[in-house]
Amino acid sequence: MFDLKRKPSHPGEIFKKEFMEPLRISQTQLAKELNTSFRTINEIINEKRNISPEMAIKLSRYFGTSEELWLNLQNQYDLFIVKKKKQDILKRIRPFREIHRQVA
């Protein structure tokens, strides 16, 4: 029912490996340029904080990406986590049409 084979990368991991490291941007520098705290950047990179809509806008402007990139990465990660944690409950939910099938 749910594809739980591979956990998606947290947006912070992608943020670090695909943007910060290749561009050699420090957390301190990025925090200053995004007008946010070092702690916020650090917590995102260390997967302790999610990408908020505000941060998605800041990152998209700074790195020249879309806001949706960051929000989609976060949504994919969040959906996987919920599906993994709640898979027993979710498997018991039957589709409406299956429950209320009308015989014509």
PDB file of N, CA and C in Angstrom:
ATOM      1  N   MET A   1       0.819  -1.212   0.000  1.00  0.00           N
ATOM      2  CA  MET A   1       0.000   0.000   0.000  1.00  0.00           C
ATOM      3  C   MET A   1       0.856   1.267   0.000  1.00  0.00           C
ATOM      4  N   PHE A   2       1.835   1.306   0.895  1.00  0.00           N
ATOM      5  CA  PHE A   2       2.698   2.485   0.986  1.00  0.00           C
ATOM      6  C   PHE A   2       4.118   2.084   0.621  1.00  0.00           C
ATOM      7  N   ASP A   3       4.806   2.939  -0.100  1.00  0.00           N
ATOM      8  CA  ASP A   3       6.198   2.674  -0.443  1.00  0.00           C
ATOM      9  C   ASP A   3       7.078   3.154   0.700  1.00  0.00           C
ATOM     10  N   LEU A   4       7.497   2.218   1.521  1.00  0.00           N
ATOM     11  CA  LEU A   4       8.326   2.557   2.667  1.00  0.00           C
ATOM     12  C   LEU A   4       9.716   1.931   2.533  1.00  0.00           C
ATOM     13  N   LYS A   5      10.117   1.654   1.315  1.00  0.00           N
ATOM     14  CA  LYS A   5      11.399   0.998   1.085  1.00  0.00           C
ATOM     15  C   LYS A   5      12.580   1.920   1.335  1.00  0.00           C
ATOM     16  N   ARG A   6      12.488   3.126   0.858  1.00  0.00           N
ATOM     17  CA  ARG A   6      13.612   4.053   0.964  1.00  0.00           C
ATOM     18  C   ARG A   6      13.165   5.369   1.583  1.00  0.00           C
ATOM     19  N   LYS A   7      13.778   5.685   2.681  1.00  0.00           N
ATOM     20  CA  LYS A   7      13.479   6.949   3.352  1.00  0.00           C
ATOM     21  C   LYS A   7      14.045   8.098   2.519  1.00  0.00           C
ATOM     22  N   PRO A   8      13.215   9.093   2.195  1.00  0.00           N
ATOM     23  CA  PRO A   8      13.740  10.239   1.445  1.00  0.00           C
ATOM     24  C   PRO A   8      14.751  11.021   2.285  1.00  0.00           C
ATOM     25  N   SER A   9      15.632  11.679   1.615  1.00  0.00           N
ATOM     26  CA  SER A   9      16.600  12.523   2.324  1.00  0.00           C
ATOM     27  C   SER A   9      15.877  13.692   2.968  1.00  0.00           C
ATOM     28  N   HIS A  10      16.318  14.042   4.160  1.00  0.00           N
ATOM     29  CA  HIS A  10      15.796  15.239   4.816  1.00  0.00           C
ATOM     30  C   HIS A  10      16.259  16.441   3.997  1.00  0.00           C
ATOM     31  N   PRO A  11      15.419  17.477   3.875  1.00  0.00           N
ATOM     32  CA  PRO A  11      15.827  18.656   3.102  1.00  0.00           C
ATOM     33  C   PRO A  11      17.140  19.267   3.589  1.00  0.00           C
ATOM     34  N   GLY A  12      17.408  19.142   4.879  1.00  0.00           N
ATOM     35  CA  GLY A  12      18.661  19.680   5.416  1.00  0.00           C
ATOM     36  C   GLY A  12      19.892  18.990   4.847  1.00  0.00           C
ATOM     37  N   GLU A  13      19.774  17.695   4.603  1.00  0.00           N
ATOM     38  CA  GLU A  13      20.883  16.942   4.011  1.00  0.00           C
ATOM     39  C   GLU A  13      21.136  17.406   2.578  1.00  0.00           C
ATOM     40  N   ILE A  14      20.070  17.580   1.830  1.00  0.00           N
ATOM     41  CA  ILE A  14      20.183  18.048   0.439  1.00  0.00           C
ATOM     42  C   ILE A  14      20.727  19.468   0.417  1.00  0.00           C
ATOM     43  N   PHE A  15      20.194  20.289   1.280  1.00  0.00           N
ATOM     44  CA  PHE A  15      20.607  21.679   1.442  1.00  0.00           C
ATOM     45  C   PHE A  15      22.123  21.756   1.657  1.00  0.00           C
ATOM     46  N   LYS A  16      22.616  20.917   2.554  1.00  0.00           N
ATOM     47  CA  LYS A  16      24.037  20.922   2.874  1.00  0.00           C
ATOM     48  C   LYS A  16      24.891  20.369   1.730  1.00  0.00           C
ATOM     49  N   LYS A  17      24.544  19.156   1.255  1.00  0.00           N
ATOM     50  CA  LYS A  17      25.388  18.462   0.274  1.00  0.00           C
ATOM     51  C   LYS A  17      25.308  19.030  -1.136  1.00  0.00           C
ATOM     52  N   GLU A  18      24.134  19.525  -1.511  1.00  0.00           N
ATOM     53  CA  GLU A  18      23.941  19.975  -2.893  1.00  0.00           C
ATOM     54  C   GLU A  18      24.121  21.480  -3.086  1.00  0.00           C
ATOM     55  N   PHE A  19      24.066  22.225  -1.996  1.00  0.00           N
ATOM     56  CA  PHE A  19      24.159  23.679  -2.123  1.00  0.00           C
ATOM     57  C   PHE A  19      25.311  24.266  -1.307  1.00  0.00           C
ATOM     58  N   MET A  20      25.308  24.034  -0.008  1.00  0.00           N
ATOM     59  CA  MET A  20      26.309  24.680   0.837  1.00  0.00           C
ATOM     60  C   MET A  20      27.728  24.180   0.571  1.00  0.00           C
ATOM     61  N   GLU A  21      27.895  22.876   0.534  1.00  0.00           N
ATOM     62  CA  GLU A  21      29.245  22.329   0.338  1.00  0.00           C
ATOM     63  C   GLU A  21      29.838  22.694  -1.021  1.00  0.00           C
ATOM     64  N   PRO A  22      29.113  22.475  -2.128  1.00  0.00           N
ATOM     65  CA  PRO A  22      29.712  22.834  -3.426  1.00  0.00           C
ATOM     66  C   PRO A  22      30.019  24.325  -3.562  1.00  0.00           C
ATOM     67  N   LEU A  23      29.196  25.157  -2.941  1.00  0.00           N
ATOM     68  CA  LEU A  23      29.399  26.603  -3.034  1.00  0.00           C
ATOM     69  C   LEU A  23      30.307  27.141  -1.929  1.00  0.00           C
ATOM     70  N   ARG A  24      30.719  26.258  -1.036  1.00  0.00           N
ATOM     71  CA  ARG A  24      31.607  26.607   0.088  1.00  0.00           C
ATOM     72  C   ARG A  24      31.054  27.759   0.927  1.00  0.00           C
ATOM     73  N   ILE A  25      29.792  27.603   1.294  1.00  0.00           N
ATOM     74  CA  ILE A  25      29.135  28.603   2.130  1.00  0.00           C
ATOM     75  C   ILE A  25      29.052  28.059   3.550  1.00  0.00           C
ATOM     76  N   SER A  26      29.505  28.839   4.501  1.00  0.00           N
ATOM     77  CA  SER A  26      29.432  28.398   5.897  1.00  0.00           C
ATOM     78  C   SER A  26      28.033  28.659   6.451  1.00  0.00           C
ATOM     79  N   GLN A  27      27.730  27.969   7.520  1.00  0.00           N
ATOM     80  CA  GLN A  27      26.443  28.184   8.184  1.00  0.00           C
ATOM     81  C   GLN A  27      26.324  29.625   8.689  1.00  0.00           C
ATOM     82  N   THR A  28      27.397  30.140   9.204  1.00  0.00           N
ATOM     83  CA  THR A  28      27.408  31.517   9.720  1.00  0.00           C
ATOM     84  C   THR A  28      27.144  32.508   8.592  1.00  0.00           C
ATOM     85  N   GLN A  29      27.841  32.341   7.476  1.00  0.00           N
ATOM     86  CA  GLN A  29      27.659  33.233   6.331  1.00  0.00           C
ATOM     87  C   GLN A  29      26.225  33.168   5.820  1.00  0.00           C
ATOM     88  N   LEU A  30      25.711  31.955   5.674  1.00  0.00           N
ATOM     89  CA  LEU A  30      24.359  31.800   5.158  1.00  0.00           C
ATOM     90  C   LEU A  30      23.330  32.412   6.104  1.00  0.00           C
ATOM     91  N   ALA A  31      23.502  32.201   7.383  1.00  0.00           N
ATOM     92  CA  ALA A  31      22.572  32.773   8.365  1.00  0.00           C
ATOM     93  C   ALA A  31      22.524  34.292   8.228  1.00  0.00           C
ATOM     94  N   LYS A  32      23.681  34.913   8.086  1.00  0.00           N
ATOM     95  CA  LYS A  32      23.731  36.374   7.920  1.00  0.00           C
ATOM     96  C   LYS A  32      23.038  36.803   6.639  1.00  0.00           C
ATOM     97  N   GLU A  33      23.314  36.109   5.553  1.00  0.00           N
ATOM     98  CA  GLU A  33      22.771  36.511   4.253  1.00  0.00           C
ATOM     99  C   GLU A  33      21.272  36.247   4.130  1.00  0.00           C
ATOM    100  N   LEU A  34      20.763  35.303   4.919  1.00  0.00           N
ATOM    101  CA  LEU A  34      19.322  35.034   4.912  1.00  0.00           C
ATOM    102  C   LEU A  34      18.585  35.769   6.028  1.00  0.00           C
ATOM    103  N   ASN A  35      19.340  36.531   6.803  1.00  0.00           N
ATOM    104  CA  ASN A  35      18.761  37.268   7.927  1.00  0.00           C
ATOM    105  C   ASN A  35      18.017  36.322   8.882  1.00  0.00           C
ATOM    106  N   THR A  36      18.738  35.263   9.250  1.00  0.00           N
ATOM    107  CA  THR A  36      18.205  34.298  10.203  1.00  0.00           C
ATOM    108  C   THR A  36      19.317  33.928  11.169  1.00  0.00           C
ATOM    109  N   SER A  37      19.022  33.068  12.105  1.00  0.00           N
ATOM    110  CA  SER A  37      20.033  32.717  13.107  1.00  0.00           C
ATOM    111  C   SER A  37      20.880  31.523  12.652  1.00  0.00           C
ATOM    112  N   PHE A  38      22.081  31.466  13.194  1.00  0.00           N
ATOM    113  CA  PHE A  38      22.955  30.319  12.977  1.00  0.00           C
ATOM    114  C   PHE A  38      22.246  29.057  13.443  1.00  0.00           C
ATOM    115  N   ARG A  39      21.570  29.153  14.560  1.00  0.00           N
ATOM    116  CA  ARG A  39      20.870  28.008  15.138  1.00  0.00           C
ATOM    117  C   ARG A  39      19.837  27.433  14.155  1.00  0.00           C
ATOM    118  N   THR A  40      19.094  28.303  13.494  1.00  0.00           N
ATOM    119  CA  THR A  40      18.090  27.843  12.525  1.00  0.00           C
ATOM    120  C   THR A  40      18.755  27.043  11.414  1.00  0.00           C
ATOM    121  N   ILE A  41      19.811  27.587  10.836  1.00  0.00           N
ATOM    122  CA  ILE A  41      20.526  26.903   9.752  1.00  0.00           C
ATOM    123  C   ILE A  41      21.093  25.582  10.257  1.00  0.00           C
ATOM    124  N   ASN A  42      21.713  25.607  11.409  1.00  0.00           N
ATOM    125  CA  ASN A  42      22.320  24.416  11.986  1.00  0.00           C
ATOM    126  C   ASN A  42      21.287  23.330  12.252  1.00  0.00           C
ATOM    127  N   GLU A  43      20.142  23.702  12.775  1.00  0.00           N
ATOM    128  CA  GLU A  43      19.106  22.715  13.077  1.00  0.00           C
ATOM    129  C   GLU A  43      18.508  22.121  11.800  1.00  0.00           C
ATOM    130  N   ILE A  44      18.393  22.904  10.755  1.00  0.00           N
ATOM    131  CA  ILE A  44      17.915  22.359   9.474  1.00  0.00           C
ATOM    132  C   ILE A  44      18.928  21.349   8.943  1.00  0.00           C
ATOM    133  N   ILE A  45      20.183  21.716   8.925  1.00  0.00           N
ATOM    134  CA  ILE A  45      21.242  20.837   8.420  1.00  0.00           C
ATOM    135  C   ILE A  45      21.335  19.550   9.227  1.00  0.00           C
ATOM    136  N   ASN A  46      21.125  19.649  10.525  1.00  0.00           N
ATOM    137  CA  ASN A  46      21.212  18.480  11.395  1.00  0.00           C
ATOM    138  C   ASN A  46      19.872  17.762  11.574  1.00  0.00           C
ATOM    139  N   GLU A  47      18.914  18.091  10.720  1.00  0.00           N
ATOM    140  CA  GLU A  47      17.613  17.426  10.651  1.00  0.00           C
ATOM    141  C   GLU A  47      16.812  17.534  11.944  1.00  0.00           C
ATOM    142  N   LYS A  48      16.983  18.638  12.629  1.00  0.00           N
ATOM    143  CA  LYS A  48      16.234  18.881  13.862  1.00  0.00           C
ATOM    144  C   LYS A  48      15.156  19.937  13.660  1.00  0.00           C
ATOM    145  N   ARG A  49      15.100  20.493  12.468  1.00  0.00           N
ATOM    146  CA  ARG A  49      14.109  21.523  12.138  1.00  0.00           C
ATOM    147  C   ARG A  49      13.681  21.331  10.691  1.00  0.00           C
ATOM    148  N   ASN A  50      12.416  21.568  10.451  1.00  0.00           N
ATOM    149  CA  ASN A  50      11.879  21.462   9.089  1.00  0.00           C
ATOM    150  C   ASN A  50      12.078  22.757   8.323  1.00  0.00           C
ATOM    151  N   ILE A  51      11.937  22.660   7.020  1.00  0.00           N
ATOM    152  CA  ILE A  51      11.959  23.840   6.156  1.00  0.00           C
ATOM    153  C   ILE A  51      10.573  24.468   6.224  1.00  0.00           C
ATOM    154  N   SER A  52      10.504  25.666   6.739  1.00  0.00           N
ATOM    155  CA  SER A  52       9.227  26.387   6.831  1.00  0.00           C
ATOM    156  C   SER A  52       8.963  27.085   5.495  1.00  0.00           C
ATOM    157  N   PRO A  53       7.722  27.511   5.258  1.00  0.00           N
ATOM    158  CA  PRO A  53       7.457  28.287   4.041  1.00  0.00           C
ATOM    159  C   PRO A  53       8.343  29.531   3.944  1.00  0.00           C
ATOM    160  N   GLU A  54       8.555  30.208   5.054  1.00  0.00           N
ATOM    161  CA  GLU A  54       9.415  31.397   5.039  1.00  0.00           C
ATOM    162  C   GLU A  54      10.837  31.032   4.630  1.00  0.00           C
ATOM    163  N   MET A  55      11.361  29.939   5.199  1.00  0.00           N
ATOM    164  CA  MET A  55      12.721  29.521   4.852  1.00  0.00           C
ATOM    165  C   MET A  55      12.780  29.066   3.395  1.00  0.00           C
ATOM    166  N   ALA A  56      11.727  28.411   2.912  1.00  0.00           N
ATOM    167  CA  ALA A  56      11.687  27.991   1.504  1.00  0.00           C
ATOM    168  C   ALA A  56      11.814  29.198   0.579  1.00  0.00           C
ATOM    169  N   ILE A  57      11.145  30.285   0.930  1.00  0.00           N
ATOM    170  CA  ILE A  57      11.231  31.512   0.121  1.00  0.00           C
ATOM    171  C   ILE A  57      12.643  32.079   0.166  1.00  0.00           C
ATOM    172  N   LYS A  58      13.218  32.135   1.364  1.00  0.00           N
ATOM    173  CA  LYS A  58      14.583  32.665   1.503  1.00  0.00           C
ATOM    174  C   LYS A  58      15.589  31.820   0.716  1.00  0.00           C
ATOM    175  N   LEU A  59      15.497  30.503   0.856  1.00  0.00           N
ATOM    176  CA  LEU A  59      16.429  29.618   0.158  1.00  0.00           C
ATOM    177  C   LEU A  59      16.257  29.714  -1.352  1.00  0.00           C
ATOM    178  N   SER A  60      15.025  29.821  -1.801  1.00  0.00           N
ATOM    179  CA  SER A  60      14.789  29.903  -3.251  1.00  0.00           C
ATOM    180  C   SER A  60      15.370  31.182  -3.829  1.00  0.00           C
ATOM    181  N   ARG A  61      15.220  32.267  -3.109  1.00  0.00           N
ATOM    182  CA  ARG A  61      15.793  33.535  -3.600  1.00  0.00           C
ATOM    183  C   ARG A  61      17.310  33.494  -3.600  1.00  0.00           C
ATOM    184  N   TYR A  62      17.865  32.949  -2.545  1.00  0.00           N
ATOM    185  CA  TYR A  62      19.317  32.929  -2.405  1.00  0.00           C
ATOM    186  C   TYR A  62      19.980  31.990  -3.422  1.00  0.00           C
ATOM    187  N   PHE A  63      19.421  30.785  -3.566  1.00  0.00           N
ATOM    188  CA  PHE A  63      20.043  29.781  -4.432  1.00  0.00           C
ATOM    189  C   PHE A  63      19.466  29.752  -5.841  1.00  0.00           C
ATOM    190  N   GLY A  64      18.459  30.565  -6.128  1.00  0.00           N
ATOM    191  CA  GLY A  64      17.887  30.608  -7.464  1.00  0.00           C
ATOM    192  C   GLY A  64      17.055  29.386  -7.815  1.00  0.00           C
ATOM    193  N   THR A  65      16.389  28.835  -6.827  1.00  0.00           N
ATOM    194  CA  THR A  65      15.520  27.680  -7.042  1.00  0.00           C
ATOM    195  C   THR A  65      14.068  28.131  -6.858  1.00  0.00           C
ATOM    196  N   SER A  66      13.165  27.181  -6.896  1.00  0.00           N
ATOM    197  CA  SER A  66      11.769  27.516  -6.612  1.00  0.00           C
ATOM    198  C   SER A  66      11.478  27.259  -5.137  1.00  0.00           C
ATOM    199  N   GLU A  67      10.486  27.950  -4.625  1.00  0.00           N
ATOM    200  CA  GLU A  67      10.044  27.688  -3.246  1.00  0.00           C
ATOM    201  C   GLU A  67       9.524  26.264  -3.140  1.00  0.00           C
ATOM    202  N   GLU A  68       8.856  25.823  -4.218  1.00  0.00           N
ATOM    203  CA  GLU A  68       8.255  24.486  -4.233  1.00  0.00           C
ATOM    204  C   GLU A  68       9.289  23.379  -4.069  1.00  0.00           C
ATOM    205  N   LEU A  69      10.497  23.597  -4.576  1.00  0.00           N
ATOM    206  CA  LEU A  69      11.550  22.594  -4.407  1.00  0.00           C
ATOM    207  C   LEU A  69      11.709  22.260  -2.932  1.00  0.00           C
ATOM    208  N   TRP A  70      11.882  23.291  -2.120  1.00  0.00           N
ATOM    209  CA  TRP A  70      12.138  23.099  -0.692  1.00  0.00           C
ATOM    210  C   TRP A  70      10.919  22.538   0.029  1.00  0.00           C
ATOM    211  N   LEU A  71       9.742  23.050  -0.319  1.00  0.00           N
ATOM    212  CA  LEU A  71       8.524  22.568   0.330  1.00  0.00           C
ATOM    213  C   LEU A  71       8.203  21.137  -0.088  1.00  0.00           C
ATOM    214  N   ASN A  72       8.446  20.807  -1.351  1.00  0.00           N
ATOM    215  CA  ASN A  72       8.211  19.434  -1.801  1.00  0.00           C
ATOM    216  C   ASN A  72       9.165  18.446  -1.133  1.00  0.00           C
ATOM    217  N   LEU A  73      10.415  18.829  -0.991  1.00  0.00           N
ATOM    218  CA  LEU A  73      11.362  17.966  -0.283  1.00  0.00           C
ATOM    219  C   LEU A  73      10.896  17.727   1.151  1.00  0.00           C
ATOM    220  N   GLN A  74      10.441  18.791   1.795  1.00  0.00           N
ATOM    221  CA  GLN A  74       9.971  18.669   3.176  1.00  0.00           C
ATOM    222  C   GLN A  74       8.711  17.809   3.244  1.00  0.00           C
ATOM    223  N   ASN A  75       7.778  18.039   2.315  1.00  0.00           N
ATOM    224  CA  ASN A  75       6.535  17.262   2.304  1.00  0.00           C
ATOM    225  C   ASN A  75       6.799  15.776   2.063  1.00  0.00           C
ATOM    226  N   GLN A  76       7.684  15.453   1.127  1.00  0.00           N
ATOM    227  CA  GLN A  76       8.006  14.047   0.867  1.00  0.00           C
ATOM    228  C   GLN A  76       8.577  13.379   2.116  1.00  0.00           C
ATOM    229  N   TYR A  77       9.460  14.089   2.781  1.00  0.00           N
ATOM    230  CA  TYR A  77      10.069  13.560   3.999  1.00  0.00           C
ATOM    231  C   TYR A  77       9.014  13.371   5.090  1.00  0.00           C
ATOM    232  N   ASP A  78       8.179  14.393   5.308  1.00  0.00           N
ATOM    233  CA  ASP A  78       7.149  14.327   6.353  1.00  0.00           C
ATOM    234  C   ASP A  78       6.142  13.218   6.082  1.00  0.00           C
ATOM    235  N   LEU A  79       5.706  13.074   4.823  1.00  0.00           N
ATOM    236  CA  LEU A  79       4.752  12.024   4.475  1.00  0.00           C
ATOM    237  C   LEU A  79       5.332  10.637   4.740  1.00  0.00           C
ATOM    238  N   PHE A  80       6.584  10.447   4.392  1.00  0.00           N
ATOM    239  CA  PHE A  80       7.231   9.158   4.646  1.00  0.00           C
ATOM    240  C   PHE A  80       7.240   8.845   6.134  1.00  0.00           C
ATOM    241  N   ILE A  81       7.623   9.822   6.952  1.00  0.00           N
ATOM    242  CA  ILE A  81       7.718   9.615   8.398  1.00  0.00           C
ATOM    243  C   ILE A  81       6.355   9.237   8.970  1.00  0.00           C
ATOM    244  N   VAL A  82       5.310   9.950   8.579  1.00  0.00           N
ATOM    245  CA  VAL A  82       3.967   9.655   9.085  1.00  0.00           C
ATOM    246  C   VAL A  82       3.518   8.263   8.622  1.00  0.00           C
ATOM    247  N   LYS A  83       3.726   7.946   7.351  1.00  0.00           N
ATOM    248  CA  LYS A  83       3.324   6.634   6.841  1.00  0.00           C
ATOM    249  C   LYS A  83       4.055   5.509   7.567  1.00  0.00           C
ATOM    250  N   LYS A  84       5.309   5.729   7.869  1.00  0.00           N
ATOM    251  CA  LYS A  84       6.104   4.718   8.578  1.00  0.00           C
ATOM    252  C   LYS A  84       5.597   4.537  10.008  1.00  0.00           C
ATOM    253  N   LYS A  85       5.382   5.645  10.692  1.00  0.00           N
ATOM    254  CA  LYS A  85       4.937   5.586  12.091  1.00  0.00           C
ATOM    255  C   LYS A  85       3.513   5.056  12.227  1.00  0.00           C
ATOM    256  N   LYS A  86       2.661   5.385  11.282  1.00  0.00           N
ATOM    257  CA  LYS A  86       1.237   5.061  11.387  1.00  0.00           C
ATOM    258  C   LYS A  86       0.797   3.961  10.441  1.00  0.00           C
ATOM    259  N   GLN A  87       1.723   3.173   9.901  1.00  0.00           N
ATOM    260  CA  GLN A  87       1.367   2.208   8.870  1.00  0.00           C
ATOM    261  C   GLN A  87       0.318   1.196   9.326  1.00  0.00           C
ATOM    262  N   ASP A  88       0.336   0.770  10.567  1.00  0.00           N
ATOM    263  CA  ASP A  88      -0.671  -0.188  11.042  1.00  0.00           C
ATOM    264  C   ASP A  88      -2.072   0.409  11.011  1.00  0.00           C
ATOM    265  N   ILE A  89      -2.194   1.645  11.441  1.00  0.00           N
ATOM    266  CA  ILE A  89      -3.486   2.331  11.435  1.00  0.00           C
ATOM    267  C   ILE A  89      -3.927   2.596  10.002  1.00  0.00           C
ATOM    268  N   LEU A  90      -3.029   3.066   9.172  1.00  0.00           N
ATOM    269  CA  LEU A  90      -3.366   3.413   7.794  1.00  0.00           C
ATOM    270  C   LEU A  90      -3.797   2.196   6.982  1.00  0.00           C
ATOM    271  N   LYS A  91      -3.218   1.039   7.248  1.00  0.00           N
ATOM    272  CA  LYS A  91      -3.584  -0.178   6.520  1.00  0.00           C
ATOM    273  C   LYS A  91      -5.022  -0.603   6.805  1.00  0.00           C
ATOM    274  N   ARG A  92      -5.546  -0.212   7.951  1.00  0.00           N
ATOM    275  CA  ARG A  92      -6.919  -0.594   8.313  1.00  0.00           C
ATOM    276  C   ARG A  92      -7.970   0.337   7.732  1.00  0.00           C
ATOM    277  N   ILE A  93      -7.572   1.430   7.159  1.00  0.00           N
ATOM    278  CA  ILE A  93      -8.541   2.377   6.582  1.00  0.00           C
ATOM    279  C   ILE A  93      -8.883   1.913   5.172  1.00  0.00           C
ATOM    280  N   ARG A  94     -10.150   1.652   4.973  1.00  0.00           N
ATOM    281  CA  ARG A  94     -10.623   1.210   3.658  1.00  0.00           C
ATOM    282  C   ARG A  94     -11.175   2.406   2.896  1.00  0.00           C
ATOM    283  N   PRO A  95     -11.006   2.402   1.578  1.00  0.00           N
ATOM    284  CA  PRO A  95     -11.540   3.500   0.774  1.00  0.00           C
ATOM    285  C   PRO A  95     -13.066   3.584   0.874  1.00  0.00           C
ATOM    286  N   PHE A  96     -13.585   4.771   0.854  1.00  0.00           N
ATOM    287  CA  PHE A  96     -15.018   5.036   0.934  1.00  0.00           C
ATOM    288  C   PHE A  96     -15.786   4.218  -0.087  1.00  0.00           C
ATOM    289  N   ARG A  97     -15.318   4.223  -1.317  1.00  0.00           N
ATOM    290  CA  ARG A  97     -16.023   3.524  -2.405  1.00  0.00           C
ATOM    291  C   ARG A  97     -16.079   2.017  -2.167  1.00  0.00           C
ATOM    292  N   GLU A  98     -15.069   1.501  -1.518  1.00  0.00           N
ATOM    293  CA  GLU A  98     -15.060   0.072  -1.219  1.00  0.00           C
ATOM    294  C   GLU A  98     -16.099  -0.250  -0.138  1.00  0.00           C
ATOM    295  N   ILE A  99     -16.228   0.603   0.834  1.00  0.00           N
ATOM    296  CA  ILE A  99     -17.153   0.407   1.940  1.00  0.00           C
ATOM    297  C   ILE A  99     -18.601   0.624   1.483  1.00  0.00           C
ATOM    298  N   HIS A 100     -18.815   1.632   0.656  1.00  0.00           N
ATOM    299  CA  HIS A 100     -20.168   2.040   0.270  1.00  0.00           C
ATOM    300  C   HIS A 100     -20.483   1.708  -1.186  1.00  0.00           C
ATOM    301  N   ARG A 101     -20.036   0.578  -1.629  1.00  0.00           N
ATOM    302  CA  ARG A 101     -20.292   0.147  -2.992  1.00  0.00           C
ATOM    303  C   ARG A 101     -21.806  -0.086  -3.170  1.00  0.00           C
ATOM    304  N   GLN A 102     -22.359   0.546  -4.159  1.00  0.00           N
ATOM    305  CA  GLN A 102     -23.789   0.373  -4.413  1.00  0.00           C
ATOM    306  C   GLN A 102     -23.982  -0.569  -5.595  1.00  0.00           C
ATOM    307  N   VAL A 103     -24.819  -1.501  -5.403  1.00  0.00           N
ATOM    308  CA  VAL A 103     -25.124  -2.439  -6.476  1.00  0.00           C
ATOM    309  C   VAL A 103     -26.258  -1.855  -7.304  1.00  0.00           C
ATOM    310  N   ALA A 104     -26.039  -1.713  -8.580  1.00  0.00           N
ATOM    311  CA  ALA A 104     -27.058  -1.103  -9.448  1.00  0.00           C
ATOM    312  C   ALA A 104     -28.042  -2.120  -9.967  1.00  0.00           C
TER     313      ALA A 104
END
